[in-house]
Every structure is written in structure tokens, then in C-alpha cells.
Amino acid sequence: MTGRRSTPHRLSSRRIKASMLSAGALVACASLAVGCGVVSGVTGGSGGDTVTVMTMAPEKTKATNKPGMPAMAKAYARWVNKGGGINGRELNVITCNEQNDSVRAAECARRAVKEDVAAVVGSYSQYGRSFLSPLEAAGIPFIGGYGLTDDEFTSPLSYPVNGGQPALLAGLGRELAKSCGPVSLVRPDTIAGDGLPVLLDSGLTAGKHAEAGDLRAADDATEYSRHARQAIERATSDPTGNKGCVVPALGDRTNTFMDSFRRITDDYPAVRTATVLGSVDQSVINATGRTYEGSYVTGWYPASSDPRWDAMRDVIQKEAFGDNRIDASDAGVQTTWIAYEVLKQTVESLDEGEVSARTVRRALDDGLKIETGGLTPTLSWAFSDLIAASGFPRVINSNVTFQVVREGQLVAARKGFTNVSRILENVGSSAG
């Protein structure tokens, strides 16, 4: 961590100072017999001695749900505030359920504008344009989104902490090109899902492999027998008998697909399965027996058992013990943790100065270096740190990890990170 360690005494003294300033201003207004507005010690999202931010994610819907992300945000705020806040400022987290709906996502963004937040942090939505437009109009930075949409990698006010779905799919395709025959992709029939085939194919073709078969499916279906059968038929279509791979990338419904897949695999030769973190995590593997045994999985970060996650696990243990919404192996929870580390170090860099959407944005644009304890490379959004991908100009971290399910555990398939920036640059060039 960077910056000075804050104390409860410093937080209290800041509040007293702000109260005295406000009281003095009100007395002056009364003596002049003129109308005055509300006076705060610091403007623009800080609320005097409070840094207000928002985390939004879908909850209690029929499709993908990420309740652990807002829950992790709240736990992080409790932890920070017990230590005296960030540079003496209390962290206030507003959460918003965007309900997997474009209208609701836009409403969450407009609420963020109304609440004058300093940033929207660690959030998940497949409706990038819907929520980013209001944030851009108000100059509010979007820090550490999940990376579902291209908009998160093109908006000048977006500060992604990972390479999103583009990096995961490109990396997975590059890995499967080494060991798979025909590949079948089963993905959501949504706007966000429409971009997945070209990303997987970019990795496959980089490895001199044929493109994947593209099978679209509803992201809220209760069974996928037809799609599973079609996927297996393509994956076993190589006349030489080269074992193919099926890649379900259906978010929360990936496990539903695998139930259908498991029921019909006896009718076909064995095929490999592979997917991306976010569609599968350790909790899913634990609940499904040997369904995923041997599956390849690409992620953004080290495996959840890695000791570099100990600080996050400690906060969950202390501030959210018993909250079953928070799973330390969930990629959304992990991304939220990293996003709030970015926020904390950014606010610390402002020291005694104003904390607002404008100053947070300026600090990040000026090349502030963020350290995440090895969970990512050093993060910086200065122009010189952006990769040369015209389709994804805001990507700064194009690293992925390769993991595999062995004896029911998601473990590292190889040490360290693999950088896929070259593949993404080629995708950006072809897209342009």
C-alpha cells in the first residue's frame, strides 16, 4: 500500500474541522441576510470527509448474477473505515442492482451522477453503452469493470484492471490450438455474446488452428441438450479422430449446460472441455463432482489458492464472515478487491487535496502506478502504458493465467502469466 496510515483520531479531527467551516459559513449567510446553499468542506464526490462511490451488479435475476461484488465492496469499506478511512476520509459505498437490464443499468449510472460519486468501482454489466454514457457526460471514472463489453475498453473514462473477456477468449483459443481438434463454442445469444467468437477465433488462428463452430444459446435456459449435442457432434467431426474441444461460455448457465452435456456424452467419443473464469470457479467445481475434471480454464489472476489472495481472504474473514454471497474464488469478487485497491491508492495519492471524480480521473490519467501485490502487473493508465490494440485502446493488462481442474481442484497449469497483447492487437487491426 502507498500513502500514510490513517487513524480514527485524524478522521475525527477532519470531521470537526469540516463542521466548524460549515457552521461559520452558515453564520456568515445569516448575517448577510442572503440565501446560501449547503456548504461542504470538499466538493465533488467526497462529501467533506467522505469518499462516496458506487458498485453495481446484477442480483436475483434469471440469468447471470454477481451478488458477491457489491457484498465485497461493502466488506472492503467496513475494513477501511475501521482503520480510519482513506487518508482520514470515510469510504461510503452505494450499491445498485442493474438486474441484467439495459434500462436499469442506465438508471444505476444516473443515480451515481445524482449522488455525485467520485467513481463507479468494481462493477458488472453487459450493457456498457447504457451505463457508460451517463457516466461520461458527468465525468465520472469507471474503475475495474468486469470487462464484458467492448465499451469498457474504448471509453476514455474506463480504467480496466484486467483484459476482460477479450483476453480470456484470445488466451484460451491460443492454448486450445496446441491440443484440440475441432472446437465448438457455446455462448449467449446476446450483444455481449456476439463478440466472443471472433475473440476465441483470434487465439485459434494465431496457433494456426481452424475457427470454432459458433452455437448461440439463451442465457437463461433451464437445459441445453440440443446445444450440447450439436457442440459434441462438431467437436468429434475430425475424420482422423483428433479429440475436439467444447467451450461453454455461458456465465452462470455454464453449469446448466454441463448437466446436459454430461447426460449425453456416453453416446459420443470423449471430448475435452474448456472455459473461462467467470463461467466456472472452484465453488462450481466443488458442487459438480468430476464434471469439469481435466478442463482447461483461463483466468486473469493467480489461482484462488495462491497466497497472494491472503489479504483479501483476511478481509472477508473479518468483515464478511458467514456472508455466503462472497466467494473468494469468484472472479467478480477478485476484480472488485483489485478495483478498490486502485481507488484506495488513488485517493491516498491526493493526500489533503480535493477528492472528486475530476481529481480521481486526473490522477489516473497522469500515470499513477498501482501495485496489487502481484495479482496483476503494476497498473497505470498513462498513454504510454496502453497496448496498441485499436479495438481495445484502454487495455493495460493483457495477462492471463492458464489453469486446469485436477482431482477436483482448479490449479495452475503453468507458472506465471501469459501476455496476449499481440493477439488483441491483431484483433483490433482486423476489426478496424
Protein backbone atom coordinates (compact mmCIF):
# COMPACT_ATOMS: atom_id res chain seq x y z
CA MET A 1 0.00 0.00 0.00
CA THR A 2 1.10 3.56 -0.59
CA GLY A 3 0.38 6.72 1.40
CA ARG A 4 0.28 7.41 5.14
CA ARG A 5 -1.54 5.21 7.58
CA SER A 6 -4.72 6.93 8.76
CA THR A 7 -6.07 6.87 12.32
CA PRO A 8 -9.53 7.27 13.88
CA HIS A 9 -8.25 10.43 15.61
CA ARG A 10 -7.35 12.00 12.26
CA LEU A 11 -10.76 11.07 10.84
CA SER A 12 -12.46 12.68 13.85
CA SER A 13 -10.39 15.86 13.58
CA ARG A 14 -11.27 16.17 9.89
CA ARG A 15 -14.97 15.95 10.74
CA ILE A 16 -14.64 18.62 13.46
CA LYS A 17 -12.83 20.91 11.05
CA ALA A 18 -15.47 20.41 8.35
CA SER A 19 -18.26 21.09 10.86
CA MET A 20 -16.59 24.33 12.00
CA LEU A 21 -16.22 25.50 8.40
CA SER A 22 -19.86 24.73 7.65
CA ALA A 23 -21.08 26.44 10.82
CA GLY A 24 -19.01 29.53 10.08
CA ALA A 25 -20.38 29.74 6.57
CA LEU A 26 -23.98 29.49 7.86
CA VAL A 27 -23.37 32.31 10.35
CA ALA A 28 -21.97 34.48 7.58
CA CYS A 29 -25.03 33.76 5.44
CA ALA A 30 -27.37 34.69 8.25
CA SER A 31 -25.58 37.99 8.98
CA LEU A 32 -25.73 38.99 5.32
CA ALA A 33 -29.41 38.05 5.05
CA VAL A 34 -28.83 36.26 1.76
CA GLY A 35 -29.72 32.78 0.53
CA CYS A 36 -26.97 30.15 0.86
CA GLY A 37 -26.68 26.54 -0.30
CA VAL A 38 -25.27 23.61 1.64
CA VAL A 39 -21.59 24.06 2.38
CA SER A 40 -19.20 21.10 2.45
CA GLY A 41 -15.52 21.02 3.27
CA VAL A 42 -14.60 19.25 -0.01
CA THR A 43 -16.62 19.14 -3.20
CA GLY A 44 -17.31 16.62 -5.92
CA GLY A 45 -17.96 13.14 -4.57
CA SER A 46 -16.15 13.43 -1.24
CA GLY A 47 -18.93 14.87 0.92
CA GLY A 48 -16.41 16.70 3.14
CA ASP A 49 -14.73 13.77 4.87
CA THR A 50 -16.49 11.03 2.93
CA VAL A 51 -15.48 9.44 -0.36
CA THR A 52 -18.67 8.17 -1.98
CA VAL A 53 -18.52 5.57 -4.76
CA MET A 54 -20.90 3.07 -6.37
CA THR A 55 -20.66 -0.64 -7.17
CA MET A 56 -23.34 -2.12 -9.41
CA ALA A 57 -24.01 -5.73 -10.43
CA PRO A 58 -26.98 -7.96 -11.27
CA GLU A 59 -28.67 -9.78 -8.40
CA LYS A 60 -31.65 -12.17 -8.15
CA THR A 61 -32.18 -12.44 -11.92
CA LYS A 62 -32.86 -15.44 -14.17
CA ALA A 63 -29.50 -15.04 -15.92
CA THR A 64 -26.02 -14.19 -14.59
CA ASN A 65 -25.87 -12.88 -11.02
CA LYS A 66 -22.91 -11.32 -9.21
CA PRO A 67 -24.08 -10.56 -5.65
CA GLY A 68 -20.57 -11.12 -4.32
CA MET A 69 -19.29 -7.95 -6.00
CA PRO A 70 -21.41 -5.39 -4.08
CA ALA A 71 -21.04 -7.52 -0.96
CA MET A 72 -17.24 -7.43 -1.32
CA ALA A 73 -17.38 -3.67 -1.84
CA LYS A 74 -19.28 -3.21 1.43
CA ALA A 75 -16.87 -5.51 3.29
CA TYR A 76 -13.92 -3.53 1.92
CA ALA A 77 -15.48 -0.27 3.11
CA ARG A 78 -16.04 -1.67 6.61
CA TRP A 79 -12.41 -2.80 6.75
CA VAL A 80 -11.03 0.54 5.52
CA ASN A 81 -13.22 2.60 7.83
CA LYS A 82 -12.26 0.59 10.91
CA GLY A 83 -8.68 1.59 10.14
CA GLY A 84 -9.53 5.29 10.00
CA GLY A 85 -10.70 5.58 6.39
CA ILE A 86 -8.55 6.54 3.41
CA ASN A 87 -6.27 9.39 4.48
CA GLY A 88 -8.81 10.12 7.20
CA ARG A 89 -11.79 10.08 4.83
CA GLU A 90 -14.62 7.64 5.37
CA LEU A 91 -15.41 5.35 2.41
CA ASN A 92 -19.13 5.23 1.59
CA VAL A 93 -20.22 2.55 -0.90
CA ILE A 94 -23.58 2.79 -2.67
CA THR A 95 -24.70 -0.44 -4.35
CA CYS A 96 -27.12 -0.78 -7.26
CA ASN A 97 -28.78 -3.87 -8.75
CA GLU A 98 -28.69 -3.44 -12.54
CA GLN A 99 -30.87 -6.59 -12.94
CA ASN A 100 -29.28 -7.67 -16.25
CA ASP A 101 -31.32 -4.93 -17.91
CA SER A 102 -30.11 -2.04 -20.07
CA VAL A 103 -32.67 0.41 -18.69
CA ARG A 104 -31.81 -0.49 -15.12
CA ALA A 105 -28.07 -0.22 -15.86
CA ALA A 106 -28.63 3.31 -17.14
CA GLU A 107 -30.69 4.11 -14.03
CA CYS A 108 -27.82 2.94 -11.81
CA ALA A 109 -25.47 5.26 -13.69
CA ARG A 110 -27.87 8.19 -13.36
CA ARG A 111 -28.11 7.50 -9.64
CA ALA A 112 -24.32 7.62 -9.46
CA VAL A 113 -24.43 11.03 -11.11
CA LYS A 114 -27.15 12.24 -8.72
CA GLU A 115 -25.17 11.03 -5.70
CA ASP A 116 -22.09 12.86 -7.05
CA VAL A 117 -19.87 9.79 -6.65
CA ALA A 118 -16.11 10.01 -7.10
CA ALA A 119 -16.12 6.80 -9.17
CA VAL A 120 -18.06 3.66 -10.06
CA VAL A 121 -15.86 0.80 -8.86
CA GLY A 122 -15.66 -2.99 -9.30
CA SER A 123 -18.91 -3.44 -11.24
CA TYR A 124 -20.50 -5.94 -13.63
CA SER A 125 -22.88 -5.24 -16.52
CA GLN A 126 -23.24 -6.45 -20.09
CA TYR A 127 -24.79 -3.09 -21.08
CA GLY A 128 -21.67 -0.98 -21.40
CA ARG A 129 -23.07 1.77 -23.59
CA SER A 130 -26.18 2.15 -21.41
CA PHE A 131 -24.29 2.92 -18.21
CA LEU A 132 -21.12 4.49 -19.61
CA SER A 133 -22.90 7.28 -21.50
CA PRO A 134 -24.33 8.94 -18.35
CA LEU A 135 -21.01 8.48 -16.53
CA GLU A 136 -19.06 10.04 -19.41
CA ALA A 137 -21.42 13.02 -19.55
CA ALA A 138 -20.80 13.65 -15.84
CA GLY A 139 -17.05 12.94 -16.00
CA ILE A 140 -17.26 10.00 -13.55
CA PRO A 141 -14.50 7.37 -13.89
CA PHE A 142 -15.38 3.68 -14.16
CA ILE A 143 -12.71 1.68 -12.32
CA GLY A 144 -12.29 -2.08 -12.61
CA GLY A 145 -15.32 -3.24 -14.53
CA TYR A 146 -15.63 -6.96 -15.23
CA GLY A 147 -14.74 -6.44 -18.88
CA LEU A 148 -17.81 -7.91 -20.57
CA THR A 149 -18.24 -5.30 -23.29
CA ASP A 150 -16.04 -3.54 -25.84
CA ASP A 151 -17.25 -0.20 -24.44
CA GLU A 152 -15.25 -0.84 -21.26
CA PHE A 153 -12.10 -0.93 -23.39
CA THR A 154 -12.88 2.09 -25.55
CA SER A 155 -14.36 4.68 -23.16
CA PRO A 156 -11.75 7.28 -22.10
CA LEU A 157 -13.29 7.24 -18.61
CA SER A 158 -12.90 3.47 -18.17
CA TYR A 159 -9.94 2.16 -16.17
CA PRO A 160 -9.99 -1.66 -16.54
CA VAL A 161 -7.81 -3.78 -14.24
CA ASN A 162 -7.80 -6.84 -16.50
CA GLY A 163 -8.15 -7.69 -20.18
CA GLY A 164 -11.79 -8.73 -19.78
CA GLN A 165 -13.45 -11.32 -21.99
CA PRO A 166 -11.19 -10.36 -24.94
CA ALA A 167 -8.03 -11.53 -23.14
CA LEU A 168 -9.66 -14.66 -21.69
CA LEU A 169 -11.06 -15.89 -25.01
CA ALA A 170 -7.96 -14.99 -27.01
CA GLY A 171 -5.74 -16.74 -24.47
CA LEU A 172 -7.97 -19.80 -24.34
CA GLY A 173 -8.02 -20.08 -28.13
CA ARG A 174 -4.22 -19.89 -28.26
CA GLU A 175 -3.95 -22.67 -25.69
CA LEU A 176 -6.54 -24.95 -27.32
CA ALA A 177 -4.83 -24.60 -30.70
CA LYS A 178 -1.99 -26.70 -29.30
CA SER A 179 -4.03 -29.72 -28.25
CA CYS A 180 -7.56 -29.72 -29.72
CA GLY A 181 -9.15 -30.98 -32.88
CA PRO A 182 -12.36 -29.19 -33.92
CA VAL A 183 -13.59 -26.63 -31.37
CA SER A 184 -17.22 -25.76 -30.56
CA LEU A 185 -18.11 -22.52 -28.76
CA VAL A 186 -21.46 -22.31 -26.95
CA ARG A 187 -22.15 -18.72 -25.97
CA PRO A 188 -25.03 -16.39 -25.00
CA ASP A 189 -27.29 -15.08 -27.75
CA THR A 190 -26.78 -11.52 -26.50
CA ILE A 191 -24.99 -8.37 -27.64
CA ALA A 192 -22.10 -9.15 -25.29
CA GLY A 193 -22.04 -12.75 -26.52
CA ASP A 194 -21.79 -11.68 -30.15
CA GLY A 195 -18.19 -10.60 -29.63
CA LEU A 196 -16.98 -13.92 -28.19
CA PRO A 197 -16.49 -15.97 -31.40
CA VAL A 198 -14.06 -13.52 -33.03
CA LEU A 199 -12.00 -13.40 -29.83
CA LEU A 200 -11.74 -17.17 -29.45
CA ASP A 201 -11.00 -17.48 -33.16
CA SER A 202 -8.22 -14.90 -32.88
CA GLY A 203 -6.37 -17.17 -30.47
CA LEU A 204 -7.08 -20.30 -32.50
CA THR A 205 -5.89 -18.80 -35.76
CA ALA A 206 -2.79 -17.38 -34.04
CA GLY A 207 -1.98 -21.01 -33.28
CA LYS A 208 -2.71 -21.99 -36.92
CA HIS A 209 -5.96 -23.74 -35.98
CA ALA A 210 -9.35 -23.65 -37.72
CA GLU A 211 -12.01 -21.31 -36.35
CA ALA A 212 -14.52 -22.60 -33.80
CA GLY A 213 -18.11 -23.53 -34.51
CA ASP A 214 -20.39 -20.83 -33.08
CA LEU A 215 -23.51 -22.03 -31.26
CA ARG A 216 -25.80 -19.37 -29.77
CA ALA A 217 -27.97 -20.19 -26.77
CA ALA A 218 -30.31 -18.37 -24.38
CA ASP A 219 -28.50 -17.16 -21.28
CA ASP A 220 -31.44 -18.04 -19.01
CA ALA A 221 -32.34 -21.53 -20.31
CA THR A 222 -33.02 -24.39 -17.91
CA GLU A 223 -31.42 -27.06 -20.13
CA TYR A 224 -29.12 -27.24 -23.16
CA SER A 225 -29.41 -30.77 -24.54
CA ARG A 226 -29.74 -29.67 -28.18
CA HIS A 227 -26.81 -27.30 -27.94
CA ALA A 228 -24.68 -29.90 -26.15
CA ARG A 229 -25.39 -32.48 -28.84
CA GLN A 230 -24.55 -30.04 -31.64
CA ALA A 231 -21.35 -28.99 -29.89
CA ILE A 232 -20.19 -32.57 -29.41
CA GLU A 233 -21.03 -33.51 -32.99
CA ARG A 234 -18.78 -30.75 -34.29
CA ALA A 235 -16.01 -31.48 -31.80
CA THR A 236 -15.93 -35.12 -32.95
CA SER A 237 -16.14 -34.36 -36.67
CA ASP A 238 -12.42 -34.79 -37.41
CA PRO A 239 -12.12 -37.94 -39.62
CA THR A 240 -8.63 -38.57 -38.23
CA GLY A 241 -10.09 -38.94 -34.75
CA ASN A 242 -8.25 -35.95 -33.30
CA LYS A 243 -10.01 -35.23 -30.00
CA GLY A 244 -12.01 -31.99 -30.15
CA CYS A 245 -12.95 -29.45 -27.50
CA VAL A 246 -16.26 -27.94 -26.37
CA VAL A 247 -16.10 -24.43 -24.90
CA PRO A 248 -19.20 -23.34 -22.95
CA ALA A 249 -19.02 -19.63 -22.07
CA LEU A 250 -22.49 -19.02 -20.63
CA GLY A 251 -21.72 -17.32 -17.34
CA ASP A 252 -23.90 -18.70 -14.55
CA ARG A 253 -25.62 -21.04 -17.01
CA THR A 254 -22.39 -22.88 -17.87
CA ASN A 255 -23.12 -25.38 -15.13
CA THR A 256 -26.63 -25.92 -16.52
CA PHE A 257 -25.06 -26.63 -19.92
CA MET A 258 -22.64 -29.09 -18.35
CA ASP A 259 -25.56 -31.01 -16.79
CA SER A 260 -26.99 -31.50 -20.28
CA PHE A 261 -23.54 -32.24 -21.68
CA ARG A 262 -22.84 -34.93 -19.08
CA ARG A 263 -26.10 -36.76 -19.81
CA ILE A 264 -25.34 -37.33 -23.49
CA THR A 265 -21.57 -37.83 -23.63
CA ASP A 266 -21.92 -41.63 -23.40
CA ASP A 267 -23.24 -41.56 -26.99
CA TYR A 268 -20.00 -40.00 -28.30
CA PRO A 269 -16.24 -40.43 -28.10
CA ALA A 270 -14.62 -38.45 -25.31
CA VAL A 271 -14.08 -34.73 -25.90
CA ARG A 272 -12.24 -32.15 -23.86
CA THR A 273 -14.00 -29.19 -22.28
CA ALA A 274 -12.59 -25.74 -21.67
CA THR A 275 -13.99 -22.44 -20.47
CA VAL A 276 -13.11 -19.12 -18.89
CA LEU A 277 -13.08 -18.00 -15.28
CA GLY A 278 -16.41 -16.37 -14.57
CA SER A 279 -18.22 -19.24 -16.22
CA VAL A 280 -16.52 -21.70 -13.84
CA ASP A 281 -14.84 -21.26 -10.47
CA GLN A 282 -13.84 -23.53 -7.61
CA SER A 283 -17.27 -23.39 -5.94
CA VAL A 284 -18.92 -24.61 -9.16
CA ILE A 285 -16.37 -27.41 -9.46
CA ASN A 286 -16.98 -28.42 -5.84
CA ALA A 287 -20.72 -28.71 -6.49
CA THR A 288 -20.49 -30.76 -9.67
CA GLY A 289 -18.27 -33.69 -8.79
CA ARG A 290 -15.98 -34.68 -11.67
CA THR A 291 -17.89 -32.87 -14.40
CA TYR A 292 -15.01 -30.48 -15.09
CA GLU A 293 -12.14 -32.87 -14.40
CA GLY A 294 -9.34 -32.17 -16.87
CA SER A 295 -10.96 -28.98 -18.18
CA TYR A 296 -8.82 -26.05 -19.23
CA VAL A 297 -9.75 -22.68 -17.71
CA THR A 298 -8.23 -19.28 -18.46
CA GLY A 299 -8.31 -16.55 -15.82
CA TRP A 300 -6.96 -13.05 -15.27
CA TYR A 301 -5.36 -13.67 -11.92
CA PRO A 302 -3.46 -16.35 -9.99
CA ALA A 303 -5.45 -19.41 -8.83
CA SER A 304 -7.67 -18.69 -5.82
CA SER A 305 -5.44 -20.89 -3.62
CA ASP A 306 -2.45 -18.63 -4.28
CA PRO A 307 -1.12 -16.88 -1.13
CA ARG A 308 -1.26 -13.53 -2.94
CA TRP A 309 -5.00 -13.57 -2.15
CA ASP A 310 -4.39 -13.85 1.61
CA ALA A 311 -5.06 -10.13 2.24
CA MET A 312 -8.45 -10.35 0.53
CA ARG A 313 -9.34 -13.55 2.37
CA ASP A 314 -8.40 -11.91 5.66
CA VAL A 315 -10.77 -9.00 4.99
CA ILE A 316 -13.57 -11.41 4.05
CA GLN A 317 -12.95 -13.40 7.23
CA LYS A 318 -13.02 -10.29 9.43
CA GLU A 319 -15.73 -8.22 7.74
CA ALA A 320 -17.99 -10.71 5.94
CA PHE A 321 -17.72 -13.96 7.87
CA GLY A 322 -20.80 -16.03 7.14
CA ASP A 323 -21.86 -13.94 4.13
CA ASN A 324 -22.30 -16.70 1.56
CA ARG A 325 -22.60 -14.15 -1.26
CA ILE A 326 -18.84 -13.63 -1.15
CA ASP A 327 -16.76 -16.44 -2.63
CA ALA A 328 -13.02 -15.73 -2.65
CA SER A 329 -12.64 -17.87 -5.79
CA ASP A 330 -15.17 -15.83 -7.78
CA ALA A 331 -13.56 -13.68 -10.49
CA GLY A 332 -16.06 -10.89 -9.81
CA VAL A 333 -15.15 -10.74 -6.12
CA GLN A 334 -11.46 -10.78 -7.02
CA THR A 335 -11.90 -7.98 -9.56
CA THR A 336 -13.81 -5.90 -7.00
CA TRP A 337 -10.98 -6.32 -4.49
CA ILE A 338 -8.40 -5.12 -7.03
CA ALA A 339 -10.61 -2.24 -8.18
CA TYR A 340 -10.97 -0.96 -4.61
CA GLU A 341 -7.21 -1.24 -4.13
CA VAL A 342 -6.91 1.07 -7.16
CA LEU A 343 -9.39 3.50 -5.59
CA LYS A 344 -7.65 3.45 -2.22
CA GLN A 345 -4.19 4.12 -3.63
CA THR A 346 -5.59 6.84 -5.89
CA VAL A 347 -7.27 8.68 -3.00
CA GLU A 348 -4.11 8.29 -0.91
CA SER A 349 -2.12 9.92 -3.71
CA LEU A 350 -4.34 13.03 -3.42
CA ASP A 351 -3.25 13.45 0.22
CA GLU A 352 -5.03 16.51 1.70
CA GLY A 353 -6.41 17.70 -1.62
CA GLU A 354 -9.89 17.52 -3.08
CA VAL A 355 -11.32 14.06 -3.77
CA SER A 356 -13.76 14.16 -6.66
CA ALA A 357 -14.48 12.46 -9.94
CA ARG A 358 -12.27 15.06 -11.60
CA THR A 359 -9.26 14.63 -9.31
CA VAL A 360 -9.50 10.81 -9.30
CA ARG A 361 -9.64 10.82 -13.08
CA ARG A 362 -6.72 13.24 -13.34
CA ALA A 363 -4.53 11.15 -11.01
CA LEU A 364 -5.16 8.01 -13.06
CA ASP A 365 -4.63 9.79 -16.39
CA ASP A 366 -1.35 11.26 -15.14
CA GLY A 367 0.15 7.78 -14.81
CA LEU A 368 -0.28 6.92 -11.14
CA LYS A 369 1.31 3.50 -10.52
CA ILE A 370 -0.89 1.00 -8.69
CA GLU A 371 0.58 -2.08 -7.02
CA THR A 372 -1.64 -5.12 -6.36
CA GLY A 373 0.73 -7.44 -4.54
CA GLY A 374 1.47 -9.49 -7.66
CA LEU A 375 -2.17 -10.21 -8.52
CA THR A 376 -1.66 -8.11 -11.66
CA PRO A 377 1.28 -6.29 -13.19
CA THR A 378 1.75 -2.71 -11.98
CA LEU A 379 -1.34 -0.86 -13.22
CA SER A 380 -1.08 2.53 -14.93
CA TRP A 381 -3.36 4.18 -17.48
CA ALA A 382 -0.92 6.71 -18.90
CA PHE A 383 -0.97 6.81 -22.70
CA SER A 384 2.40 5.05 -22.87
CA ASP A 385 1.02 2.09 -20.88
CA LEU A 386 -1.86 1.28 -23.26
CA ILE A 387 -1.38 -1.62 -25.66
CA ALA A 388 -1.56 -0.93 -29.40
CA ALA A 389 -4.94 -2.60 -29.94
CA SER A 390 -7.21 -0.24 -31.88
CA GLY A 391 -10.28 -2.27 -30.92
CA PHE A 392 -9.39 -2.21 -27.20
CA PRO A 393 -7.46 1.03 -26.62
CA ARG A 394 -7.97 1.10 -22.82
CA VAL A 395 -6.40 -2.31 -22.14
CA ILE A 396 -3.29 -2.03 -19.96
CA ASN A 397 -3.24 -5.57 -18.51
CA SER A 398 -3.43 -8.24 -21.20
CA ASN A 399 -2.06 -11.02 -18.98
CA VAL A 400 -3.93 -14.29 -18.48
CA THR A 401 -3.29 -17.40 -16.42
CA PHE A 402 -3.85 -20.97 -17.58
CA GLN A 403 -5.46 -23.29 -15.07
CA VAL A 404 -6.70 -26.86 -15.16
CA VAL A 405 -9.03 -28.97 -12.99
CA ARG A 406 -7.04 -31.77 -11.34
CA GLU A 407 -8.59 -34.06 -8.74
CA GLY A 408 -11.41 -31.58 -8.28
CA GLN A 409 -9.15 -28.58 -7.71
CA LEU A 410 -8.54 -25.61 -10.01
CA VAL A 411 -4.76 -25.34 -10.12
CA ALA A 412 -2.19 -23.50 -12.21
CA ALA A 413 -1.44 -25.35 -15.44
CA ARG A 414 1.82 -23.40 -15.70
CA LYS A 415 3.63 -20.81 -13.64
CA GLY A 416 3.16 -17.10 -14.12
CA PHE A 417 1.21 -15.04 -16.61
CA THR A 418 0.93 -15.25 -20.38
CA ASN A 419 0.61 -11.98 -22.26
CA VAL A 420 -1.88 -11.95 -25.17
CA SER A 421 -1.44 -8.34 -26.24
CA ARG A 422 -0.14 -9.31 -29.68
CA ILE A 423 -3.30 -11.33 -30.39
CA LEU A 424 -5.53 -8.49 -29.19
CA GLU A 425 -3.62 -6.03 -31.34
CA ASN A 426 -4.31 -8.20 -34.38
CA VAL A 427 -8.00 -8.43 -33.47
CA GLY A 428 -8.12 -4.64 -33.13
CA SER A 429 -6.47 -4.20 -36.53
CA SER A 430 -8.85 -6.58 -38.28
CA ALA A 431 -11.86 -5.04 -36.53
CA GLY A 432 -10.78 -1.57 -37.63
